[in-house]
């Protein structure tokens, strides 16, 4: 009579799923600009509604949604998400999923640059910009510390590159059809609205 290995419980499966820690890097200035722009758009749409100018609010809705979409896909959506196994780079309309074993090195200029072992170069548009050192750091090391710390985030991620276990998992790239499709619909709506107005 054969014996079967005990099936892991749902609780243990959930524990394994939650053991992985995922982190996200975004450009702080871009995120702040996104939220400020969104707040302005909300006010521009909310003011006609409060004033009872329904026609003006209806006319401004599609352009406001289009501007909000542009702010989102250009400023907020781009990011670098990573855990112990892989890094996910989201650029405008494009997502790259790269196992750490496929990354040769990480550099930083104005954005993070992932150099893959197959020779490809992947630029992360939504990564944090090089930051200025804090006031205390400047006071302690004013003469030798550079004005901008260009390697802070690259150095952070190099730990995952050097510690990555061997893997044959390939890198994946895909278009973000849903966000891009929403943008096309909004552009068409604004074009129809302005065309009808003319």
N, C-alpha and C. Protein backbone atom coordinates (compact mmCIF):
# COMPACT_ATOMS: atom_id res chain seq x y z
N UNK A 1 0.85 -1.19 0.00
CA UNK A 1 0.00 0.00 0.00
C UNK A 1 0.89 1.25 0.00
N UNK A 2 0.69 2.11 -1.00
CA UNK A 2 1.55 3.29 -1.12
C UNK A 2 1.08 4.38 -0.18
N UNK A 3 2.03 5.15 0.25
CA UNK A 3 1.74 6.28 1.13
C UNK A 3 1.96 7.57 0.36
N UNK A 4 1.02 8.47 0.53
CA UNK A 4 1.11 9.76 -0.13
C UNK A 4 1.61 10.81 0.85
N UNK A 5 2.42 11.73 0.35
CA UNK A 5 2.90 12.82 1.20
C UNK A 5 1.72 13.69 1.60
N UNK A 6 1.70 14.17 2.84
CA UNK A 6 0.58 15.01 3.28
C UNK A 6 0.51 16.29 2.48
N UNK A 7 -0.69 16.64 2.11
CA UNK A 7 -0.90 17.87 1.35
C UNK A 7 -0.76 19.08 2.27
N UNK A 8 -0.01 20.12 1.87
CA UNK A 8 0.13 21.29 2.74
C UNK A 8 -1.21 21.95 2.98
N UNK A 9 -1.38 22.44 4.18
CA UNK A 9 -2.64 23.08 4.54
C UNK A 9 -2.75 24.44 3.87
N UNK A 10 -3.99 24.94 3.82
CA UNK A 10 -4.22 26.26 3.24
C UNK A 10 -3.47 27.32 4.02
N UNK A 11 -3.39 27.13 5.33
CA UNK A 11 -2.69 28.11 6.17
C UNK A 11 -1.21 28.17 5.82
N UNK A 12 -0.59 26.98 5.60
CA UNK A 12 0.84 26.97 5.26
C UNK A 12 1.08 27.56 3.88
N UNK A 13 0.13 27.34 2.91
CA UNK A 13 0.27 27.92 1.60
C UNK A 13 0.18 29.44 1.67
N UNK A 14 -0.74 29.94 2.48
CA UNK A 14 -0.85 31.39 2.65
C UNK A 14 0.39 31.97 3.30
N UNK A 15 0.96 31.22 4.25
CA UNK A 15 2.17 31.70 4.90
C UNK A 15 3.33 31.79 3.94
N UNK A 16 3.43 30.80 3.02
CA UNK A 16 4.50 30.85 2.03
C UNK A 16 4.29 31.98 1.05
N UNK A 17 3.01 32.26 0.75
CA UNK A 17 2.73 33.33 -0.20
C UNK A 17 3.03 34.69 0.36
N UNK A 18 2.82 34.84 1.67
CA UNK A 18 3.04 36.15 2.30
C UNK A 18 4.47 36.32 2.79
N UNK A 19 5.31 35.25 2.66
CA UNK A 19 6.68 35.37 3.15
C UNK A 19 7.51 36.27 2.25
N UNK A 20 7.11 36.38 0.99
CA UNK A 20 7.84 37.22 0.06
C UNK A 20 7.50 38.68 0.29
N UNK A 21 8.53 39.52 0.41
CA UNK A 21 8.34 40.95 0.63
C UNK A 21 8.58 41.68 -0.68
N UNK A 22 7.62 42.49 -1.08
CA UNK A 22 7.75 43.26 -2.31
C UNK A 22 7.91 44.73 -1.97
N UNK A 23 8.80 45.40 -2.67
CA UNK A 23 9.08 46.81 -2.45
C UNK A 23 8.86 47.57 -3.76
N UNK A 24 8.54 48.84 -3.63
CA UNK A 24 8.27 49.67 -4.80
C UNK A 24 9.09 50.94 -4.74
N UNK A 25 9.72 51.28 -5.86
CA UNK A 25 10.45 52.53 -6.00
C UNK A 25 9.73 53.40 -7.02
N UNK A 26 9.48 54.64 -6.66
CA UNK A 26 8.93 55.62 -7.58
C UNK A 26 9.65 56.95 -7.37
N UNK A 27 9.63 57.78 -8.40
CA UNK A 27 10.21 59.11 -8.29
C UNK A 27 9.29 59.98 -7.43
N UNK A 28 9.80 60.45 -6.30
CA UNK A 28 8.97 61.22 -5.37
C UNK A 28 8.40 62.47 -6.02
N UNK A 29 9.21 63.18 -6.79
CA UNK A 29 8.72 64.39 -7.44
C UNK A 29 7.59 64.11 -8.40
N UNK A 30 7.68 62.98 -9.13
CA UNK A 30 6.61 62.62 -10.06
C UNK A 30 5.33 62.29 -9.32
N UNK A 31 5.45 61.57 -8.20
CA UNK A 31 4.26 61.21 -7.42
C UNK A 31 3.58 62.46 -6.86
N UNK A 32 4.38 63.37 -6.31
CA UNK A 32 3.81 64.61 -5.76
C UNK A 32 3.13 65.41 -6.86
N UNK A 33 3.76 65.51 -8.02
CA UNK A 33 3.16 66.24 -9.14
C UNK A 33 1.85 65.58 -9.58
N UNK A 34 1.81 64.26 -9.59
CA UNK A 34 0.59 63.55 -9.96
C UNK A 34 -0.56 63.90 -9.03
N UNK A 35 -0.32 63.84 -7.72
CA UNK A 35 -1.39 64.11 -6.76
C UNK A 35 -1.81 65.57 -6.79
N UNK A 36 -0.86 66.48 -6.97
CA UNK A 36 -1.23 67.89 -7.07
C UNK A 36 -2.07 68.14 -8.32
N UNK A 37 -1.65 67.57 -9.44
CA UNK A 37 -2.42 67.73 -10.67
C UNK A 37 -3.81 67.12 -10.56
N UNK A 38 -3.90 65.96 -9.93
CA UNK A 38 -5.21 65.33 -9.74
C UNK A 38 -6.11 66.18 -8.86
N UNK A 39 -5.54 66.76 -7.80
CA UNK A 39 -6.33 67.62 -6.92
C UNK A 39 -6.86 68.84 -7.67
N UNK A 40 -6.03 69.42 -8.53
CA UNK A 40 -6.47 70.57 -9.32
C UNK A 40 -7.62 70.17 -10.25
N UNK A 41 -7.51 69.01 -10.88
CA UNK A 41 -8.56 68.55 -11.78
C UNK A 41 -9.87 68.29 -11.03
N UNK A 42 -9.76 67.74 -9.83
CA UNK A 42 -10.97 67.51 -9.02
C UNK A 42 -11.65 68.83 -8.69
N UNK A 43 -10.85 69.85 -8.35
CA UNK A 43 -11.42 71.16 -8.05
C UNK A 43 -12.08 71.76 -9.30
N UNK A 44 -11.43 71.62 -10.45
CA UNK A 44 -11.98 72.18 -11.68
C UNK A 44 -13.29 71.52 -12.09
N UNK A 45 -13.43 70.23 -11.78
CA UNK A 45 -14.68 69.55 -12.07
C UNK A 45 -15.71 69.80 -10.96
N UNK A 46 -15.24 69.85 -9.72
CA UNK A 46 -16.17 70.02 -8.59
C UNK A 46 -16.78 71.41 -8.52
N UNK A 47 -16.03 72.43 -8.92
CA UNK A 47 -16.57 73.80 -8.83
C UNK A 47 -17.83 74.00 -9.66
N UNK A 48 -17.87 73.59 -10.95
CA UNK A 48 -19.13 73.73 -11.70
C UNK A 48 -20.27 72.92 -11.10
N UNK A 49 -19.96 71.76 -10.53
CA UNK A 49 -21.01 70.95 -9.91
C UNK A 49 -21.61 71.66 -8.71
N UNK A 50 -20.73 72.23 -7.88
CA UNK A 50 -21.23 72.96 -6.69
C UNK A 50 -22.02 74.18 -7.12
N UNK A 51 -21.58 74.85 -8.19
CA UNK A 51 -22.28 76.04 -8.67
C UNK A 51 -23.53 75.72 -9.47
N UNK A 52 -23.78 74.43 -9.69
CA UNK A 52 -24.97 74.04 -10.44
C UNK A 52 -24.84 74.21 -11.94
N UNK A 53 -23.61 74.36 -12.43
CA UNK A 53 -23.40 74.52 -13.87
C UNK A 53 -23.13 73.14 -14.48
N UNK A 54 -24.21 72.38 -14.63
CA UNK A 54 -24.10 71.00 -15.05
C UNK A 54 -23.55 70.86 -16.47
N UNK A 55 -23.93 71.76 -17.34
CA UNK A 55 -23.47 71.67 -18.72
C UNK A 55 -21.96 71.88 -18.81
N UNK A 56 -21.46 72.86 -18.05
CA UNK A 56 -20.01 73.11 -18.04
C UNK A 56 -19.27 71.91 -17.46
N UNK A 57 -19.81 71.33 -16.38
CA UNK A 57 -19.18 70.17 -15.76
C UNK A 57 -19.14 68.99 -16.72
N UNK A 58 -20.26 68.78 -17.44
CA UNK A 58 -20.30 67.67 -18.40
C UNK A 58 -19.32 67.89 -19.54
N UNK A 59 -19.18 69.15 -19.98
CA UNK A 59 -18.25 69.45 -21.07
C UNK A 59 -16.80 69.25 -20.63
N UNK A 60 -16.49 69.57 -19.37
CA UNK A 60 -15.10 69.49 -18.89
C UNK A 60 -14.72 68.10 -18.41
N UNK A 61 -15.69 67.19 -18.26
CA UNK A 61 -15.40 65.88 -17.66
C UNK A 61 -14.42 65.07 -18.51
N UNK A 62 -14.68 64.92 -19.79
CA UNK A 62 -13.81 64.09 -20.64
C UNK A 62 -12.38 64.65 -20.72
N UNK A 63 -12.20 65.98 -20.96
CA UNK A 63 -10.82 66.50 -20.95
C UNK A 63 -10.12 66.31 -19.60
N UNK A 64 -10.86 66.47 -18.50
CA UNK A 64 -10.26 66.29 -17.18
C UNK A 64 -9.83 64.84 -16.97
N UNK A 65 -10.68 63.90 -17.39
CA UNK A 65 -10.31 62.48 -17.26
C UNK A 65 -9.10 62.15 -18.13
N UNK A 66 -9.03 62.74 -19.31
CA UNK A 66 -7.88 62.51 -20.18
C UNK A 66 -6.60 63.05 -19.54
N UNK A 67 -6.66 64.25 -18.97
CA UNK A 67 -5.48 64.81 -18.30
C UNK A 67 -5.09 63.96 -17.09
N UNK A 68 -6.09 63.47 -16.35
CA UNK A 68 -5.79 62.61 -15.20
C UNK A 68 -5.12 61.32 -15.66
N UNK A 69 -5.60 60.78 -16.77
CA UNK A 69 -4.97 59.56 -17.32
C UNK A 69 -3.54 59.83 -17.73
N UNK A 70 -3.28 60.97 -18.39
CA UNK A 70 -1.92 61.31 -18.80
C UNK A 70 -1.01 61.44 -17.57
N UNK A 71 -1.49 62.12 -16.54
CA UNK A 71 -0.70 62.26 -15.31
C UNK A 71 -0.41 60.90 -14.70
N UNK A 72 -1.41 60.02 -14.70
CA UNK A 72 -1.24 58.70 -14.09
C UNK A 72 -0.24 57.84 -14.85
N UNK A 73 -0.40 57.76 -16.18
CA UNK A 73 0.44 56.83 -16.94
C UNK A 73 1.87 57.37 -17.13
N UNK A 74 2.04 58.70 -17.05
CA UNK A 74 3.36 59.28 -17.23
C UNK A 74 4.10 59.45 -15.91
N UNK A 75 3.38 59.84 -14.85
CA UNK A 75 4.03 60.19 -13.59
C UNK A 75 3.90 59.12 -12.50
N UNK A 76 2.73 58.50 -12.38
CA UNK A 76 2.50 57.60 -11.24
C UNK A 76 2.69 56.13 -11.60
N UNK A 77 2.21 55.73 -12.76
CA UNK A 77 2.28 54.31 -13.14
C UNK A 77 3.70 53.79 -13.27
N UNK A 78 4.64 54.52 -13.89
CA UNK A 78 6.01 54.00 -13.99
C UNK A 78 6.61 53.75 -12.60
N UNK A 79 7.21 52.59 -12.43
CA UNK A 79 7.75 52.23 -11.12
C UNK A 79 8.73 51.07 -11.27
N UNK A 80 9.41 50.78 -10.18
CA UNK A 80 10.27 49.60 -10.08
C UNK A 80 9.81 48.83 -8.85
N UNK A 81 9.26 47.64 -9.07
CA UNK A 81 8.83 46.77 -7.97
C UNK A 81 9.75 45.55 -7.94
N UNK A 82 10.15 45.15 -6.75
CA UNK A 82 11.09 44.04 -6.66
C UNK A 82 10.87 43.24 -5.39
N UNK A 83 11.27 41.99 -5.44
CA UNK A 83 11.32 41.14 -4.26
C UNK A 83 12.59 40.30 -4.35
N UNK A 84 12.65 39.21 -3.61
CA UNK A 84 13.88 38.42 -3.58
C UNK A 84 14.13 37.67 -4.88
N UNK A 85 13.11 37.50 -5.73
CA UNK A 85 13.25 36.67 -6.91
C UNK A 85 13.36 37.44 -8.22
N UNK A 86 12.68 38.58 -8.31
CA UNK A 86 12.62 39.27 -9.61
C UNK A 86 12.39 40.76 -9.42
N UNK A 87 12.59 41.50 -10.50
CA UNK A 87 12.30 42.92 -10.53
C UNK A 87 11.29 43.16 -11.66
N UNK A 88 10.30 44.01 -11.38
CA UNK A 88 9.27 44.34 -12.36
C UNK A 88 9.39 45.83 -12.66
N UNK A 89 9.78 46.14 -13.88
CA UNK A 89 9.95 47.53 -14.30
C UNK A 89 8.74 47.92 -15.15
N UNK A 90 8.02 48.92 -14.70
CA UNK A 90 6.86 49.41 -15.43
C UNK A 90 7.20 50.77 -16.02
N UNK A 91 7.26 50.83 -17.34
CA UNK A 91 7.44 52.08 -18.05
C UNK A 91 6.10 52.49 -18.66
N UNK A 92 6.08 53.51 -19.47
CA UNK A 92 4.82 53.99 -20.04
C UNK A 92 4.28 52.95 -21.02
N UNK A 93 3.22 52.25 -20.62
CA UNK A 93 2.58 51.28 -21.48
C UNK A 93 3.29 49.96 -21.64
N UNK A 94 4.37 49.74 -20.90
CA UNK A 94 5.18 48.53 -21.09
C UNK A 94 5.65 48.01 -19.74
N UNK A 95 5.56 46.69 -19.54
CA UNK A 95 5.98 46.06 -18.30
C UNK A 95 7.06 45.02 -18.61
N UNK A 96 8.14 45.05 -17.82
CA UNK A 96 9.24 44.11 -17.97
C UNK A 96 9.39 43.34 -16.66
N UNK A 97 9.31 42.02 -16.73
CA UNK A 97 9.49 41.15 -15.57
C UNK A 97 10.81 40.42 -15.74
N UNK A 98 11.77 40.69 -14.87
CA UNK A 98 13.13 40.17 -15.04
C UNK A 98 13.56 39.46 -13.77
N UNK A 99 13.85 38.16 -13.81
CA UNK A 99 14.43 37.49 -12.65
C UNK A 99 15.81 38.07 -12.33
N UNK A 100 16.13 38.14 -11.06
CA UNK A 100 17.43 38.70 -10.69
C UNK A 100 18.58 37.93 -11.31
N UNK A 101 18.39 36.62 -11.54
CA UNK A 101 19.45 35.81 -12.13
C UNK A 101 19.79 36.25 -13.55
N UNK A 102 18.88 36.97 -14.19
CA UNK A 102 19.11 37.44 -15.56
C UNK A 102 19.72 38.85 -15.60
N UNK A 103 19.92 39.47 -14.44
CA UNK A 103 20.46 40.83 -14.36
C UNK A 103 21.96 40.75 -14.10
N UNK A 104 22.74 41.40 -14.96
CA UNK A 104 24.19 41.41 -14.77
C UNK A 104 24.63 42.52 -13.82
N UNK A 105 24.00 43.71 -13.94
CA UNK A 105 24.38 44.82 -13.08
C UNK A 105 23.27 45.87 -13.10
N UNK A 106 23.34 46.76 -12.12
CA UNK A 106 22.39 47.87 -12.02
C UNK A 106 23.18 49.16 -11.90
N UNK A 107 22.92 50.10 -12.79
CA UNK A 107 23.57 51.40 -12.75
C UNK A 107 22.52 52.48 -12.56
N UNK A 108 22.97 53.68 -12.24
CA UNK A 108 22.03 54.78 -12.11
C UNK A 108 22.62 56.06 -12.68
N UNK A 109 21.84 56.68 -13.57
CA UNK A 109 22.11 58.03 -14.02
C UNK A 109 20.95 58.87 -13.54
N UNK A 110 20.18 59.39 -14.48
CA UNK A 110 18.94 60.06 -14.09
C UNK A 110 17.85 59.06 -13.75
N UNK A 111 18.00 57.81 -14.21
CA UNK A 111 17.09 56.75 -13.82
C UNK A 111 17.90 55.48 -13.63
N UNK A 112 17.24 54.41 -13.15
CA UNK A 112 17.93 53.14 -12.97
C UNK A 112 18.08 52.44 -14.31
N UNK A 113 19.23 51.82 -14.51
CA UNK A 113 19.52 51.10 -15.74
C UNK A 113 19.90 49.66 -15.37
N UNK A 114 19.11 48.71 -15.87
CA UNK A 114 19.37 47.29 -15.63
C UNK A 114 20.05 46.71 -16.86
N UNK A 115 21.24 46.19 -16.68
CA UNK A 115 21.98 45.56 -17.78
C UNK A 115 21.82 44.04 -17.63
N UNK A 116 21.17 43.44 -18.62
CA UNK A 116 20.85 42.02 -18.54
C UNK A 116 21.98 41.18 -19.10
N UNK A 117 22.00 39.91 -18.74
CA UNK A 117 23.08 39.02 -19.15
C UNK A 117 23.04 38.71 -20.65
N UNK A 118 21.90 38.90 -21.28
CA UNK A 118 21.82 38.66 -22.72
C UNK A 118 22.20 39.89 -23.54
N UNK A 119 22.65 40.95 -22.85
CA UNK A 119 23.10 42.15 -23.54
C UNK A 119 22.08 43.26 -23.62
N UNK A 120 20.84 43.00 -23.25
CA UNK A 120 19.82 44.04 -23.29
C UNK A 120 20.05 45.07 -22.18
N UNK A 121 19.61 46.28 -22.45
CA UNK A 121 19.69 47.37 -21.48
C UNK A 121 18.26 47.86 -21.23
N UNK A 122 17.86 47.83 -19.97
CA UNK A 122 16.50 48.21 -19.60
C UNK A 122 16.54 49.46 -18.74
N UNK A 123 15.96 50.54 -19.25
CA UNK A 123 15.88 51.79 -18.49
C UNK A 123 14.57 51.85 -17.74
N UNK A 124 14.64 52.14 -16.45
CA UNK A 124 13.44 52.27 -15.61
C UNK A 124 13.09 53.75 -15.49
N UNK A 125 12.10 54.19 -16.25
CA UNK A 125 11.77 55.61 -16.30
C UNK A 125 11.18 56.12 -14.99
N UNK A 126 10.52 55.25 -14.25
CA UNK A 126 9.84 55.71 -13.03
C UNK A 126 10.66 55.57 -11.77
N UNK A 127 11.94 55.27 -11.88
CA UNK A 127 12.77 55.08 -10.69
C UNK A 127 13.10 56.43 -10.06
N UNK A 128 13.42 56.43 -8.76
CA UNK A 128 13.76 57.69 -8.09
C UNK A 128 14.97 58.36 -8.70
N UNK A 129 14.93 59.67 -8.72
CA UNK A 129 16.07 60.43 -9.22
C UNK A 129 17.20 60.40 -8.19
N UNK A 130 18.44 60.63 -8.63
CA UNK A 130 19.53 60.77 -7.66
C UNK A 130 19.20 61.87 -6.66
N UNK A 131 19.42 61.61 -5.40
CA UNK A 131 19.00 62.55 -4.37
C UNK A 131 20.17 63.32 -3.81
N UNK A 132 19.86 64.49 -3.29
CA UNK A 132 20.86 65.28 -2.59
C UNK A 132 21.06 64.70 -1.20
N UNK A 133 22.28 64.65 -0.69
CA UNK A 133 22.49 64.20 0.68
C UNK A 133 21.83 65.16 1.66
N UNK A 134 21.45 64.64 2.83
CA UNK A 134 20.79 65.46 3.84
C UNK A 134 21.71 66.51 4.45
N UNK A 135 21.12 67.42 5.20
CA UNK A 135 21.90 68.51 5.80
C UNK A 135 22.97 68.00 6.75
N UNK A 136 22.64 66.98 7.53
CA UNK A 136 23.61 66.45 8.49
C UNK A 136 24.78 65.82 7.74
N UNK A 137 24.47 65.07 6.66
CA UNK A 137 25.54 64.45 5.89
C UNK A 137 26.45 65.51 5.26
N UNK A 138 25.86 66.59 4.79
CA UNK A 138 26.66 67.66 4.19
C UNK A 138 27.59 68.29 5.21
N UNK A 139 27.09 68.50 6.44
CA UNK A 139 27.91 69.11 7.47
C UNK A 139 29.05 68.19 7.89
N UNK A 140 28.79 66.88 7.94
CA UNK A 140 29.81 65.95 8.40
C UNK A 140 30.87 65.69 7.33
N UNK A 141 30.47 65.77 6.07
CA UNK A 141 31.40 65.40 5.00
C UNK A 141 31.26 66.38 3.85
N UNK A 142 31.37 67.66 4.12
CA UNK A 142 31.07 68.70 3.14
C UNK A 142 32.05 68.69 1.98
N UNK A 143 33.32 68.42 2.23
CA UNK A 143 34.33 68.57 1.18
C UNK A 143 34.41 67.37 0.25
N UNK A 144 34.09 66.17 0.76
CA UNK A 144 34.29 64.97 -0.06
C UNK A 144 33.00 64.38 -0.59
N UNK A 145 31.86 64.68 0.03
CA UNK A 145 30.61 64.08 -0.43
C UNK A 145 30.13 64.79 -1.69
N UNK A 146 29.74 64.02 -2.73
CA UNK A 146 29.24 64.66 -3.96
C UNK A 146 27.90 65.34 -3.71
N UNK A 147 27.58 66.27 -4.60
CA UNK A 147 26.34 67.02 -4.45
C UNK A 147 25.13 66.12 -4.57
N UNK A 148 25.20 65.09 -5.43
CA UNK A 148 24.11 64.14 -5.60
C UNK A 148 24.63 62.73 -5.41
N UNK A 149 23.84 61.89 -4.75
CA UNK A 149 24.20 60.50 -4.54
C UNK A 149 23.64 59.68 -5.70
N UNK A 150 24.44 59.46 -6.73
CA UNK A 150 23.96 58.81 -7.95
C UNK A 150 23.79 57.31 -7.79
N UNK A 151 24.41 56.70 -6.80
CA UNK A 151 24.45 55.25 -6.74
C UNK A 151 23.63 54.66 -5.60
N UNK A 152 22.85 55.46 -4.91
CA UNK A 152 22.14 54.98 -3.72
C UNK A 152 21.20 53.81 -4.07
N UNK A 153 20.31 54.01 -5.03
CA UNK A 153 19.34 52.97 -5.36
C UNK A 153 20.00 51.80 -6.10
N UNK A 154 20.96 52.10 -6.97
CA UNK A 154 21.66 51.02 -7.68
C UNK A 154 22.40 50.12 -6.70
N UNK A 155 23.03 50.71 -5.69
CA UNK A 155 23.74 49.92 -4.68
C UNK A 155 22.77 49.06 -3.89
N UNK A 156 21.60 49.61 -3.60
CA UNK A 156 20.57 48.85 -2.88
C UNK A 156 20.17 47.60 -3.65
N UNK A 157 19.99 47.72 -4.96
CA UNK A 157 19.52 46.60 -5.77
C UNK A 157 20.64 45.63 -6.13
N UNK A 158 21.89 46.06 -6.11
CA UNK A 158 23.00 45.17 -6.42
C UNK A 158 23.04 43.99 -5.45
N UNK A 159 22.54 44.18 -4.23
CA UNK A 159 22.49 43.09 -3.26
C UNK A 159 21.66 41.93 -3.80
N UNK A 160 20.56 42.24 -4.48
CA UNK A 160 19.70 41.20 -5.03
C UNK A 160 20.35 40.55 -6.25
N UNK A 161 21.13 41.32 -7.00
CA UNK A 161 21.81 40.77 -8.18
C UNK A 161 22.86 39.76 -7.75
N UNK A 162 23.71 40.13 -6.81
CA UNK A 162 24.80 39.25 -6.38
C UNK A 162 24.29 38.05 -5.59
N UNK A 163 23.14 38.19 -4.92
CA UNK A 163 22.62 37.09 -4.11
C UNK A 163 21.57 36.25 -4.81
N UNK A 164 21.34 36.48 -6.11
CA UNK A 164 20.29 35.74 -6.82
C UNK A 164 20.71 34.29 -7.06
N UNK A 165 19.84 33.34 -6.74
CA UNK A 165 20.15 31.94 -7.04
C UNK A 165 20.06 31.68 -8.54
N UNK A 166 20.75 30.67 -9.05
CA UNK A 166 20.66 30.36 -10.49
C UNK A 166 19.21 30.08 -10.90
N UNK A 167 18.84 30.55 -12.06
CA UNK A 167 17.47 30.38 -12.53
C UNK A 167 17.45 30.39 -14.05
N UNK A 168 16.59 29.54 -14.62
CA UNK A 168 16.39 29.52 -16.07
C UNK A 168 15.12 30.25 -16.47
N UNK A 169 14.46 30.90 -15.51
CA UNK A 169 13.24 31.64 -15.81
C UNK A 169 13.57 32.80 -16.75
N UNK A 170 12.87 32.91 -17.87
CA UNK A 170 13.20 33.97 -18.84
C UNK A 170 12.62 35.31 -18.43
N UNK A 171 13.16 36.36 -19.02
CA UNK A 171 12.59 37.68 -18.85
C UNK A 171 11.35 37.80 -19.72
N UNK A 172 10.35 38.53 -19.21
CA UNK A 172 9.09 38.70 -19.93
C UNK A 172 8.82 40.18 -20.17
N UNK A 173 8.23 40.48 -21.30
CA UNK A 173 7.84 41.85 -21.63
C UNK A 173 6.43 41.81 -22.18
N UNK A 174 5.63 42.79 -21.80
CA UNK A 174 4.26 42.84 -22.32
C UNK A 174 3.77 44.28 -22.37
N UNK A 175 2.87 44.53 -23.30
CA UNK A 175 2.20 45.82 -23.38
C UNK A 175 1.06 45.86 -22.39
N UNK A 176 0.79 47.05 -21.85
CA UNK A 176 -0.35 47.23 -20.96
C UNK A 176 -1.56 47.67 -21.78
N UNK A 177 -2.25 46.69 -22.31
CA UNK A 177 -3.33 46.98 -23.25
C UNK A 177 -4.49 47.70 -22.59
N UNK A 178 -4.81 47.35 -21.35
CA UNK A 178 -5.97 47.99 -20.69
C UNK A 178 -5.72 49.47 -20.44
N UNK A 179 -4.61 49.88 -19.77
CA UNK A 179 -4.38 51.31 -19.59
C UNK A 179 -4.26 52.07 -20.91
N UNK A 180 -3.59 51.48 -21.89
CA UNK A 180 -3.45 52.15 -23.19
C UNK A 180 -4.80 52.25 -23.89
N UNK A 181 -5.62 51.21 -23.74
CA UNK A 181 -6.95 51.24 -24.33
C UNK A 181 -7.82 52.32 -23.71
N UNK A 182 -7.71 52.48 -22.39
CA UNK A 182 -8.47 53.54 -21.73
C UNK A 182 -8.06 54.90 -22.27
N UNK A 183 -6.77 55.09 -22.47
CA UNK A 183 -6.30 56.36 -23.02
C UNK A 183 -6.83 56.62 -24.42
N UNK A 184 -6.86 55.57 -25.25
CA UNK A 184 -7.39 55.73 -26.61
C UNK A 184 -8.87 56.12 -26.57
N UNK A 185 -9.61 55.48 -25.68
CA UNK A 185 -11.04 55.81 -25.55
C UNK A 185 -11.22 57.26 -25.11
N UNK A 186 -10.43 57.71 -24.15
CA UNK A 186 -10.55 59.09 -23.66
C UNK A 186 -10.16 60.09 -24.75
N UNK A 187 -9.10 59.78 -25.50
CA UNK A 187 -8.71 60.67 -26.60
C UNK A 187 -9.83 60.78 -27.62
N UNK A 188 -10.44 59.64 -27.95
CA UNK A 188 -11.54 59.65 -28.91
C UNK A 188 -12.72 60.44 -28.39
N UNK A 189 -13.01 60.30 -27.08
CA UNK A 189 -14.14 61.02 -26.49
C UNK A 189 -13.91 62.53 -26.55
N UNK A 190 -12.68 62.96 -26.24
CA UNK A 190 -12.37 64.39 -26.28
C UNK A 190 -12.43 64.90 -27.72
N UNK A 191 -11.93 64.11 -28.66
CA UNK A 191 -11.96 64.52 -30.06
C UNK A 191 -13.40 64.68 -30.55
N UNK A 192 -14.26 63.73 -30.17
CA UNK A 192 -15.67 63.81 -30.57
C UNK A 192 -16.34 65.01 -29.94
N UNK A 193 -16.03 65.25 -28.65
CA UNK A 193 -16.65 66.38 -27.95
C UNK A 193 -16.24 67.72 -28.56
N UNK A 194 -14.95 67.88 -28.84
CA UNK A 194 -14.51 69.14 -29.44
C UNK A 194 -14.98 69.27 -30.89
N UNK A 195 -15.05 68.13 -31.59
CA UNK A 195 -15.54 68.16 -32.95
C UNK A 195 -17.01 68.57 -33.01
N UNK A 196 -17.80 68.07 -32.06
CA UNK A 196 -19.21 68.45 -32.00
C UNK A 196 -19.37 69.92 -31.61
N UNK A 197 -18.46 70.41 -30.77
CA UNK A 197 -18.55 71.81 -30.34
C UNK A 197 -18.21 72.76 -31.46
N UNK A 198 -17.29 72.34 -32.34
CA UNK A 198 -16.94 73.20 -33.46
C UNK A 198 -18.03 73.17 -34.52
